[in-house]
Amino acid sequence: MSDSVDEATDHTPTGEWRLIREEARSGPMQMALDEIAAETAAAGGPRTVRVYQWEPGCLSLGYHQDPETVDWAACREQGIDVTRRQTGGGGIYHDTSGDISYSITAPAEEFPSDLLEAYHQLCEPVLDAFERMGVDANFVDSEAGALYTPACYLRALHPAHDIVAGGRKISGNAQYRRKDAVIQHGSLTYSVGADRHLSTFVDPPTDPETFSNRVTGVDEQADCSRADAVAALEAALAEWCGATEGSWTDAELKKARERVAERYGDAEWVRRDPSER
């Protein structure tokens, strides 16, 4: 494990990179923008590192997750959006204030094809951000058993992409690859909201205390405001790849809104049985 991390430290991203600072948008729009950023990079445009916020709070389902695991009525009553990610795994409730999300998109050939090596390179700025926040965090040393597989934060912990602090999960990261681009996105927990997180699932076989024993937040691990945590992540991402501050083009935003209508905000697509995907 340590050798892979050391190799990742030597990696220097190339090409033109832009940093898009934290923006609050709906979950479907955030997922569409990740996809559009990948298309931009693959077409010769800038690579993108960005930080984003989910407004309103949103449950993002893993690409192959069974929709029957979602408590749709509870989500509707609480005003929680539901969308679906292109990455696998279980569902994640992204609280507007309790979650800080990021993504990195670049042409596929610029990063290793080996998944473990790619994760360690792309998570390098995430670990740097935690250090800037004063959080002692690193990849989990060994796998930990699953507590409830429909919920991403209660699935088995994996040394490739799960980051822990004080023995509890503080960040989950996932990748998906197109033929021409790689996209990594992830969540950093700022504050744990166990009750609300669990309420989005049907009969999770655990309780808020058990959830909190598995998951921790920045606010428990360091004296760091959410604004400072966001700034630390933005700075770490920008310095990692030499990005300059940028923004979406009108054309990208237009394509993202179209992608929301076609997929991420379309109830039929989000609720489709995984066997039909």
C-alpha atoms as a PDB file:
ATOM      1  CA  MET A   1       0.000   0.000   0.000  1.00  0.00           C
ATOM      2  CA  SER A   2       2.683   2.489   0.985  1.00  0.00           C
ATOM      3  CA  ASP A   3       4.646   1.879  -2.226  1.00  0.00           C
ATOM      4  CA  SER A   4       1.582   2.771  -4.333  1.00  0.00           C
ATOM      5  CA  VAL A   5       1.036   5.959  -2.380  1.00  0.00           C
ATOM      6  CA  ASP A   6       4.692   6.934  -2.834  1.00  0.00           C
ATOM      7  CA  GLU A   7       4.436   6.361  -6.583  1.00  0.00           C
ATOM      8  CA  ALA A   8       1.309   8.523  -6.708  1.00  0.00           C
ATOM      9  CA  THR A   9       3.208  11.366  -5.054  1.00  0.00           C
ATOM     10  CA  ASP A  10       5.539  11.520  -8.075  1.00  0.00           C
ATOM     11  CA  HIS A  11       2.662  11.905 -10.519  1.00  0.00           C
ATOM     12  CA  THR A  12       2.292  15.299 -12.145  1.00  0.00           C
ATOM     13  CA  PRO A  13      -0.868  15.907 -14.206  1.00  0.00           C
ATOM     14  CA  THR A  14      -0.289  17.501 -17.594  1.00  0.00           C
ATOM     15  CA  GLY A  15      -2.301  19.713 -19.920  1.00  0.00           C
ATOM     16  CA  GLU A  16      -4.609  22.642 -19.256  1.00  0.00           C
ATOM     17  CA  TRP A  17      -6.639  22.366 -16.048  1.00  0.00           C
ATOM     18  CA  ARG A  18      -9.398  24.567 -14.660  1.00  0.00           C
ATOM     19  CA  LEU A  19     -10.687  24.777 -11.112  1.00  0.00           C
ATOM     20  CA  ILE A  20     -14.409  25.343 -10.694  1.00  0.00           C
ATOM     21  CA  ARG A  21     -15.021  26.480  -7.132  1.00  0.00           C
ATOM     22  CA  GLU A  22     -17.871  25.117  -5.051  1.00  0.00           C
ATOM     23  CA  GLU A  23     -21.257  25.579  -6.661  1.00  0.00           C
ATOM     24  CA  ALA A  24     -24.637  24.601  -5.198  1.00  0.00           C
ATOM     25  CA  ARG A  25     -26.810  22.810  -7.753  1.00  0.00           C
ATOM     26  CA  SER A  26     -29.303  19.944  -7.803  1.00  0.00           C
ATOM     27  CA  GLY A  27     -27.985  16.399  -7.699  1.00  0.00           C
ATOM     28  CA  PRO A  28     -29.104  15.589 -11.246  1.00  0.00           C
ATOM     29  CA  MET A  29     -27.298  18.686 -12.545  1.00  0.00           C
ATOM     30  CA  GLN A  30     -24.128  17.860 -10.625  1.00  0.00           C
ATOM     31  CA  MET A  31     -24.022  14.359 -12.105  1.00  0.00           C
ATOM     32  CA  ALA A  32     -24.666  15.720 -15.589  1.00  0.00           C
ATOM     33  CA  LEU A  33     -21.840  18.247 -15.209  1.00  0.00           C
ATOM     34  CA  ASP A  34     -19.385  15.485 -14.308  1.00  0.00           C
ATOM     35  CA  GLU A  35     -20.264  13.768 -17.571  1.00  0.00           C
ATOM     36  CA  ILE A  36     -20.059  16.972 -19.610  1.00  0.00           C
ATOM     37  CA  ALA A  37     -16.667  17.836 -18.076  1.00  0.00           C
ATOM     38  CA  ALA A  38     -15.390  14.464 -19.263  1.00  0.00           C
ATOM     39  CA  GLU A  39     -16.655  15.135 -22.780  1.00  0.00           C
ATOM     40  CA  THR A  40     -14.955  18.536 -22.778  1.00  0.00           C
ATOM     41  CA  ALA A  41     -11.616  17.038 -21.724  1.00  0.00           C
ATOM     42  CA  ALA A  42     -11.867  14.209 -24.264  1.00  0.00           C
ATOM     43  CA  ALA A  43     -12.555  16.723 -27.033  1.00  0.00           C
ATOM     44  CA  GLY A  44      -9.333  18.618 -26.314  1.00  0.00           C
ATOM     45  CA  GLY A  45     -10.733  21.182 -23.884  1.00  0.00           C
ATOM     46  CA  PRO A  46      -9.534  21.805 -20.342  1.00  0.00           C
ATOM     47  CA  ARG A  47      -9.414  19.075 -17.761  1.00  0.00           C
ATOM     48  CA  THR A  48     -11.540  19.930 -14.733  1.00  0.00           C
ATOM     49  CA  VAL A  49     -11.170  19.773 -10.970  1.00  0.00           C
ATOM     50  CA  ARG A  50     -14.155  21.052  -9.085  1.00  0.00           C
ATOM     51  CA  VAL A  51     -15.875  21.173  -5.700  1.00  0.00           C
ATOM     52  CA  TYR A  52     -19.638  21.048  -5.451  1.00  0.00           C
ATOM     53  CA  GLN A  53     -22.597  21.172  -3.108  1.00  0.00           C
ATOM     54  CA  TRP A  54     -25.938  19.366  -3.392  1.00  0.00           C
ATOM     55  CA  GLU A  55     -28.935  21.716  -3.177  1.00  0.00           C
ATOM     56  CA  PRO A  56     -31.346  20.352  -2.080  1.00  0.00           C
ATOM     57  CA  GLY A  57     -29.923  17.348  -0.241  1.00  0.00           C
ATOM     58  CA  CYS A  58     -29.828  14.346  -2.536  1.00  0.00           C
ATOM     59  CA  LEU A  59     -29.558  10.565  -2.442  1.00  0.00           C
ATOM     60  CA  SER A  60     -27.296   9.395  -5.268  1.00  0.00           C
ATOM     61  CA  LEU A  61     -27.779   5.745  -6.166  1.00  0.00           C
ATOM     62  CA  GLY A  62     -25.030   3.518  -7.470  1.00  0.00           C
ATOM     63  CA  TYR A  63     -25.436   2.809 -11.174  1.00  0.00           C
ATOM     64  CA  HIS A  64     -26.656  -0.768 -10.636  1.00  0.00           C
ATOM     65  CA  GLN A  65     -28.454  -0.212  -7.332  1.00  0.00           C
ATOM     66  CA  ASP A  66     -31.903  -1.738  -6.890  1.00  0.00           C
ATOM     67  CA  PRO A  67     -34.463   1.105  -6.646  1.00  0.00           C
ATOM     68  CA  GLU A  68     -36.490  -1.005  -4.225  1.00  0.00           C
ATOM     69  CA  THR A  69     -33.878  -0.216  -1.538  1.00  0.00           C
ATOM     70  CA  VAL A  70     -34.959   3.458  -1.543  1.00  0.00           C
ATOM     71  CA  ASP A  71     -37.654   4.852   0.725  1.00  0.00           C
ATOM     72  CA  TRP A  72     -39.146   7.035  -1.987  1.00  0.00           C
ATOM     73  CA  ALA A  73     -41.943   8.350   0.239  1.00  0.00           C
ATOM     74  CA  ALA A  74     -39.516   9.452   2.966  1.00  0.00           C
ATOM     75  CA  CYS A  75     -37.314  11.205   0.424  1.00  0.00           C
ATOM     76  CA  ARG A  76     -40.311  12.998  -1.052  1.00  0.00           C
ATOM     77  CA  GLU A  77     -41.622  14.064   2.364  1.00  0.00           C
ATOM     78  CA  GLN A  78     -38.235  15.440   3.381  1.00  0.00           C
ATOM     79  CA  GLY A  79     -37.596  17.219   0.090  1.00  0.00           C
ATOM     80  CA  ILE A  80     -34.618  14.989  -0.747  1.00  0.00           C
ATOM     81  CA  ASP A  81     -33.780  14.573  -4.431  1.00  0.00           C
ATOM     82  CA  VAL A  82     -32.876  11.143  -5.787  1.00  0.00           C
ATOM     83  CA  THR A  83     -30.577  10.652  -8.773  1.00  0.00           C
ATOM     84  CA  ARG A  84     -28.247   7.956 -10.051  1.00  0.00           C
ATOM     85  CA  ARG A  85     -24.478   8.080 -10.455  1.00  0.00           C
ATOM     86  CA  GLN A  86     -22.466   6.570 -13.286  1.00  0.00           C
ATOM     87  CA  THR A  87     -20.270   4.929 -10.636  1.00  0.00           C
ATOM     88  CA  GLY A  88     -21.198   1.737  -8.836  1.00  0.00           C
ATOM     89  CA  GLY A  89     -21.671   0.989  -5.165  1.00  0.00           C
ATOM     90  CA  GLY A  90     -24.452   1.850  -2.790  1.00  0.00           C
ATOM     91  CA  GLY A  91     -26.504   4.966  -2.209  1.00  0.00           C
ATOM     92  CA  ILE A  92     -25.062   8.074  -0.578  1.00  0.00           C
ATOM     93  CA  TYR A  93     -27.139  10.793   1.039  1.00  0.00           C
ATOM     94  CA  HIS A  94     -25.407  14.091   0.242  1.00  0.00           C
ATOM     95  CA  ASP A  95     -26.499  16.632   2.822  1.00  0.00           C
ATOM     96  CA  THR A  96     -26.326  20.251   1.678  1.00  0.00           C
ATOM     97  CA  SER A  97     -24.135  21.324   4.599  1.00  0.00           C
ATOM     98  CA  GLY A  98     -22.809  17.965   5.818  1.00  0.00           C
ATOM     99  CA  ASP A  99     -21.278  16.832   2.521  1.00  0.00           C
ATOM    100  CA  ILE A 100     -18.456  18.316   0.418  1.00  0.00           C
ATOM    101  CA  SER A 101     -18.086  16.725  -3.011  1.00  0.00           C
ATOM    102  CA  TYR A 102     -15.436  16.961  -5.715  1.00  0.00           C
ATOM    103  CA  SER A 103     -14.668  15.536  -9.124  1.00  0.00           C
ATOM    104  CA  ILE A 104     -11.634  15.203 -11.383  1.00  0.00           C
ATOM    105  CA  THR A 105     -12.033  14.650 -15.129  1.00  0.00           C
ATOM    106  CA  ALA A 106      -9.309  14.198 -17.726  1.00  0.00           C
ATOM    107  CA  PRO A 107      -8.478  12.244 -20.893  1.00  0.00           C
ATOM    108  CA  ALA A 108      -8.165   8.547 -20.097  1.00  0.00           C
ATOM    109  CA  GLU A 109      -4.661   8.156 -21.519  1.00  0.00           C
ATOM    110  CA  GLU A 110      -3.240  10.619 -19.000  1.00  0.00           C
ATOM    111  CA  PHE A 111      -3.799   8.293 -16.035  1.00  0.00           C
ATOM    112  CA  PRO A 112      -2.832   4.686 -15.309  1.00  0.00           C
ATOM    113  CA  SER A 113      -5.022   1.865 -16.501  1.00  0.00           C
ATOM    114  CA  ASP A 114      -4.293   0.047 -13.228  1.00  0.00           C
ATOM    115  CA  LEU A 115      -7.259   0.904 -11.012  1.00  0.00           C
ATOM    116  CA  LEU A 116      -5.414   0.886  -7.675  1.00  0.00           C
ATOM    117  CA  GLU A 117      -2.630   3.095  -8.996  1.00  0.00           C
ATOM    118  CA  ALA A 118      -5.152   5.478 -10.556  1.00  0.00           C
ATOM    119  CA  TYR A 119      -7.108   5.750  -7.301  1.00  0.00           C
ATOM    120  CA  HIS A 120      -3.991   6.585  -5.328  1.00  0.00           C
ATOM    121  CA  GLN A 121      -2.923   9.246  -7.808  1.00  0.00           C
ATOM    122  CA  LEU A 122      -6.347  10.848  -8.018  1.00  0.00           C
ATOM    123  CA  CYS A 123      -6.890  10.714  -4.254  1.00  0.00           C
ATOM    124  CA  GLU A 124      -3.591  12.476  -3.595  1.00  0.00           C
ATOM    125  CA  PRO A 125      -5.197  15.952  -3.457  1.00  0.00           C
ATOM    126  CA  VAL A 126      -7.988  14.613  -1.222  1.00  0.00           C
ATOM    127  CA  LEU A 127      -5.458  13.411   1.347  1.00  0.00           C
ATOM    128  CA  ASP A 128      -3.616  16.721   1.006  1.00  0.00           C
ATOM    129  CA  ALA A 129      -6.879  18.559   1.683  1.00  0.00           C
ATOM    130  CA  PHE A 130      -7.481  16.598   4.873  1.00  0.00           C
ATOM    131  CA  GLU A 131      -3.967  17.449   6.047  1.00  0.00           C
ATOM    132  CA  ARG A 132      -4.666  21.142   5.415  1.00  0.00           C
ATOM    133  CA  MET A 133      -7.849  20.816   7.492  1.00  0.00           C
ATOM    134  CA  GLY A 134      -5.905  19.263  10.362  1.00  0.00           C
ATOM    135  CA  VAL A 135      -7.514  15.841   9.889  1.00  0.00           C
ATOM    136  CA  ASP A 136      -5.303  12.755  10.228  1.00  0.00           C
ATOM    137  CA  ALA A 137      -6.746  10.678   7.382  1.00  0.00           C
ATOM    138  CA  ASN A 138      -5.511   7.896   5.126  1.00  0.00           C
ATOM    139  CA  PHE A 139      -6.709   4.900   3.139  1.00  0.00           C
ATOM    140  CA  VAL A 140      -8.202   2.205   5.332  1.00  0.00           C
ATOM    141  CA  ASP A 141      -5.524  -0.411   6.084  1.00  0.00           C
ATOM    142  CA  SER A 142      -7.654  -3.474   5.411  1.00  0.00           C
ATOM    143  CA  GLU A 143     -11.159  -4.402   4.363  1.00  0.00           C
ATOM    144  CA  ALA A 144     -13.919  -4.055   6.963  1.00  0.00           C
ATOM    145  CA  GLY A 145     -17.143  -6.037   6.714  1.00  0.00           C
ATOM    146  CA  ALA A 146     -20.362  -4.687   5.270  1.00  0.00           C
ATOM    147  CA  LEU A 147     -23.162  -3.608   7.598  1.00  0.00           C
ATOM    148  CA  TYR A 148     -25.797  -2.815   4.947  1.00  0.00           C
ATOM    149  CA  THR A 149     -24.854  -3.001   1.270  1.00  0.00           C
ATOM    150  CA  PRO A 150     -27.492  -0.615  -0.193  1.00  0.00           C
ATOM    151  CA  ALA A 151     -25.818   2.255   1.713  1.00  0.00           C
ATOM    152  CA  CYS A 152     -22.368   3.122   0.390  1.00  0.00           C
ATOM    153  CA  TYR A 153     -21.029   4.245   3.763  1.00  0.00           C
ATOM    154  CA  LEU A 154     -22.113   0.942   5.359  1.00  0.00           C
ATOM    155  CA  ARG A 155     -20.648  -1.328   2.687  1.00  0.00           C
ATOM    156  CA  ALA A 156     -17.342  -3.121   3.166  1.00  0.00           C
ATOM    157  CA  LEU A 157     -14.446  -0.663   3.421  1.00  0.00           C
ATOM    158  CA  HIS A 158     -11.836  -1.077   0.698  1.00  0.00           C
ATOM    159  CA  PRO A 159      -8.172   0.022   0.874  1.00  0.00           C
ATOM    160  CA  ALA A 160      -8.264   1.211  -2.739  1.00  0.00           C
ATOM    161  CA  HIS A 161     -10.693   4.078  -2.328  1.00  0.00           C
ATOM    162  CA  ASP A 162     -12.079   4.416   1.211  1.00  0.00           C
ATOM    163  CA  ILE A 163     -10.441   7.027   3.439  1.00  0.00           C
ATOM    164  CA  VAL A 164     -10.749   6.870   7.216  1.00  0.00           C
ATOM    165  CA  ALA A 165      -9.964   9.149  10.166  1.00  0.00           C
ATOM    166  CA  GLY A 166      -9.796   7.770  13.675  1.00  0.00           C
ATOM    167  CA  GLY A 167     -10.762   4.378  12.263  1.00  0.00           C
ATOM    168  CA  ARG A 168     -14.035   5.654  10.765  1.00  0.00           C
ATOM    169  CA  LYS A 169     -14.898   6.419   7.152  1.00  0.00           C
ATOM    170  CA  ILE A 170     -14.648  10.095   6.258  1.00  0.00           C
ATOM    171  CA  SER A 171     -14.457   9.940   2.462  1.00  0.00           C
ATOM    172  CA  GLY A 172     -15.649   7.633  -0.292  1.00  0.00           C
ATOM    173  CA  ASN A 173     -14.260   7.877  -3.831  1.00  0.00           C
ATOM    174  CA  ALA A 174     -15.280   6.213  -7.078  1.00  0.00           C
ATOM    175  CA  GLN A 175     -14.158   6.137 -10.708  1.00  0.00           C
ATOM    176  CA  TYR A 176     -15.707   5.372 -14.016  1.00  0.00           C
ATOM    177  CA  ARG A 177     -13.967   5.289 -17.351  1.00  0.00           C
ATOM    178  CA  ARG A 178     -15.218   6.076 -20.775  1.00  0.00           C
ATOM    179  CA  LYS A 179     -13.124   5.038 -23.754  1.00  0.00           C
ATOM    180  CA  ASP A 180     -11.729   8.560 -23.920  1.00  0.00           C
ATOM    181  CA  ALA A 181     -11.948   9.970 -20.375  1.00  0.00           C
ATOM    182  CA  VAL A 182     -11.610   9.131 -16.716  1.00  0.00           C
ATOM    183  CA  ILE A 183     -13.922  10.607 -14.079  1.00  0.00           C
ATOM    184  CA  GLN A 184     -13.304  10.335 -10.368  1.00  0.00           C
ATOM    185  CA  HIS A 185     -15.735  11.834  -7.905  1.00  0.00           C
ATOM    186  CA  GLY A 186     -16.093  11.538  -4.192  1.00  0.00           C
ATOM    187  CA  SER A 187     -17.592  12.861  -1.007  1.00  0.00           C
ATOM    188  CA  LEU A 188     -15.901  14.197   2.088  1.00  0.00           C
ATOM    189  CA  THR A 189     -18.139  14.109   5.135  1.00  0.00           C
ATOM    190  CA  TYR A 190     -18.064  17.416   6.954  1.00  0.00           C
ATOM    191  CA  SER A 191     -20.774  16.585   9.478  1.00  0.00           C
ATOM    192  CA  VAL A 192     -22.493  13.235  10.071  1.00  0.00           C
ATOM    193  CA  GLY A 193     -26.301  13.261   9.890  1.00  0.00           C
ATOM    194  CA  ALA A 194     -27.027   9.626  10.658  1.00  0.00           C
ATOM    195  CA  ASP A 195     -30.806   9.850  11.079  1.00  0.00           C
ATOM    196  CA  ARG A 196     -31.408  11.658   7.797  1.00  0.00           C
ATOM    197  CA  HIS A 197     -28.941   9.469   5.918  1.00  0.00           C
ATOM    198  CA  LEU A 198     -30.572   6.242   7.094  1.00  0.00           C
ATOM    199  CA  SER A 199     -34.097   7.575   6.491  1.00  0.00           C
ATOM    200  CA  THR A 200     -33.538   7.460   2.726  1.00  0.00           C
ATOM    201  CA  PHE A 201     -33.346   3.643   2.727  1.00  0.00           C
ATOM    202  CA  VAL A 202     -35.989   0.974   3.277  1.00  0.00           C
ATOM    203  CA  ASP A 203     -35.576  -0.667   6.696  1.00  0.00           C
ATOM    204  CA  PRO A 204     -31.793  -0.379   7.083  1.00  0.00           C
ATOM    205  CA  PRO A 205     -30.737  -3.060   9.592  1.00  0.00           C
ATOM    206  CA  THR A 206     -28.772  -0.634  11.726  1.00  0.00           C
ATOM    207  CA  ASP A 207     -29.369   2.428  13.883  1.00  0.00           C
ATOM    208  CA  PRO A 208     -27.960   5.980  13.984  1.00  0.00           C
ATOM    209  CA  GLU A 209     -25.421   5.045  16.671  1.00  0.00           C
ATOM    210  CA  THR A 210     -24.071   2.162  14.589  1.00  0.00           C
ATOM    211  CA  PHE A 211     -23.862   4.462  11.571  1.00  0.00           C
ATOM    212  CA  SER A 212     -21.944   7.072  13.580  1.00  0.00           C
ATOM    213  CA  ASN A 213     -19.563   4.373  14.796  1.00  0.00           C
ATOM    214  CA  ARG A 214     -18.671   3.650  11.153  1.00  0.00           C
ATOM    215  CA  VAL A 215     -18.688   7.226   9.786  1.00  0.00           C
ATOM    216  CA  THR A 216     -17.054  10.434  11.022  1.00  0.00           C
ATOM    217  CA  GLY A 217     -16.903  14.026   9.834  1.00  0.00           C
ATOM    218  CA  VAL A 218     -14.335  16.794   9.606  1.00  0.00           C
ATOM    219  CA  ASP A 219     -16.122  18.671  12.383  1.00  0.00           C
ATOM    220  CA  GLU A 220     -15.418  15.764  14.753  1.00  0.00           C
ATOM    221  CA  GLN A 221     -11.781  15.423  13.770  1.00  0.00           C
ATOM    222  CA  ALA A 222     -10.544  19.016  13.587  1.00  0.00           C
ATOM    223  CA  ASP A 223     -11.339  22.612  14.481  1.00  0.00           C
ATOM    224  CA  CYS A 224     -12.201  23.552  10.898  1.00  0.00           C
ATOM    225  CA  SER A 225     -15.249  25.396   9.592  1.00  0.00           C
ATOM    226  CA  ARG A 226     -17.051  24.110   6.526  1.00  0.00           C
ATOM    227  CA  ALA A 227     -15.920  27.169   4.559  1.00  0.00           C
ATOM    228  CA  ASP A 228     -12.302  26.477   5.502  1.00  0.00           C
ATOM    229  CA  ALA A 229     -12.701  22.807   4.595  1.00  0.00           C
ATOM    230  CA  VAL A 230     -14.019  23.753   1.149  1.00  0.00           C
ATOM    231  CA  ALA A 231     -11.159  26.224   0.661  1.00  0.00           C
ATOM    232  CA  ALA A 232      -8.631  23.549   1.657  1.00  0.00           C
ATOM    233  CA  LEU A 233     -10.040  21.088  -0.871  1.00  0.00           C
ATOM    234  CA  GLU A 234     -10.121  23.691  -3.645  1.00  0.00           C
ATOM    235  CA  ALA A 235      -6.516  24.689  -2.951  1.00  0.00           C
ATOM    236  CA  ALA A 236      -5.304  21.085  -2.818  1.00  0.00           C
ATOM    237  CA  LEU A 237      -6.999  20.215  -6.113  1.00  0.00           C
ATOM    238  CA  ALA A 238      -5.696  23.328  -7.870  1.00  0.00           C
ATOM    239  CA  GLU A 239      -2.109  22.886  -6.686  1.00  0.00           C
ATOM    240  CA  TRP A 240      -2.100  19.179  -7.529  1.00  0.00           C
ATOM    241  CA  CYS A 241      -2.689  19.814 -11.217  1.00  0.00           C
ATOM    242  CA  GLY A 242      -1.694  23.478 -11.631  1.00  0.00           C
ATOM    243  CA  ALA A 243      -5.264  24.552 -12.360  1.00  0.00           C
ATOM    244  CA  THR A 244      -6.368  28.130 -12.860  1.00  0.00           C
ATOM    245  CA  GLU A 245      -9.795  29.303 -11.803  1.00  0.00           C
ATOM    246  CA  GLY A 246     -12.395  28.780 -14.495  1.00  0.00           C
ATOM    247  CA  SER A 247     -16.098  28.339 -15.154  1.00  0.00           C
ATOM    248  CA  TRP A 248     -18.544  26.410 -17.292  1.00  0.00           C
ATOM    249  CA  THR A 249     -19.236  27.626 -20.804  1.00  0.00           C
ATOM    250  CA  ASP A 250     -22.795  28.358 -21.888  1.00  0.00           C
ATOM    251  CA  ALA A 251     -22.585  25.373 -24.235  1.00  0.00           C
ATOM    252  CA  GLU A 252     -21.578  23.033 -21.406  1.00  0.00           C
ATOM    253  CA  LEU A 253     -24.428  24.215 -19.188  1.00  0.00           C
ATOM    254  CA  LYS A 254     -26.885  23.753 -22.047  1.00  0.00           C
ATOM    255  CA  LYS A 255     -25.667  20.189 -22.657  1.00  0.00           C
ATOM    256  CA  ALA A 256     -25.822  19.443 -18.941  1.00  0.00           C
ATOM    257  CA  ARG A 257     -29.443  20.576 -18.710  1.00  0.00           C
ATOM    258  CA  GLU A 258     -30.268  18.333 -21.674  1.00  0.00           C
ATOM    259  CA  ARG A 259     -28.514  15.413 -19.950  1.00  0.00           C
ATOM    260  CA  VAL A 260     -30.578  16.045 -16.808  1.00  0.00           C
ATOM    261  CA  ALA A 261     -33.774  15.777 -18.847  1.00  0.00           C
ATOM    262  CA  GLU A 262     -32.568  12.602 -20.579  1.00  0.00           C
ATOM    263  CA  ARG A 263     -31.095  10.796 -17.581  1.00  0.00           C
ATOM    264  CA  TYR A 264     -30.247  12.171 -14.178  1.00  0.00           C
ATOM    265  CA  GLY A 265     -33.497  14.005 -13.570  1.00  0.00           C
ATOM    266  CA  ASP A 266     -35.713  11.540 -15.410  1.00  0.00           C
ATOM    267  CA  ALA A 267     -37.713   9.466 -12.907  1.00  0.00           C
ATOM    268  CA  GLU A 268     -37.971   6.470 -15.226  1.00  0.00           C
ATOM    269  CA  TRP A 269     -34.199   6.355 -15.819  1.00  0.00           C
ATOM    270  CA  VAL A 270     -33.404   6.790 -12.119  1.00  0.00           C
ATOM    271  CA  ARG A 271     -35.896   4.114 -11.026  1.00  0.00           C
ATOM    272  CA  ARG A 272     -35.139   1.629 -13.781  1.00  0.00           C
ATOM    273  CA  ASP A 273     -34.390  -1.890 -12.576  1.00  0.00           C
ATOM    274  CA  PRO A 274     -30.623  -2.549 -12.671  1.00  0.00           C
ATOM    275  CA  SER A 275     -31.141  -5.693 -14.751  1.00  0.00           C
ATOM    276  CA  GLU A 276     -32.382  -3.441 -17.580  1.00  0.00           C
ATOM    277  CA  ARG A 277     -29.239  -1.267 -17.614  1.00  0.00           C
END
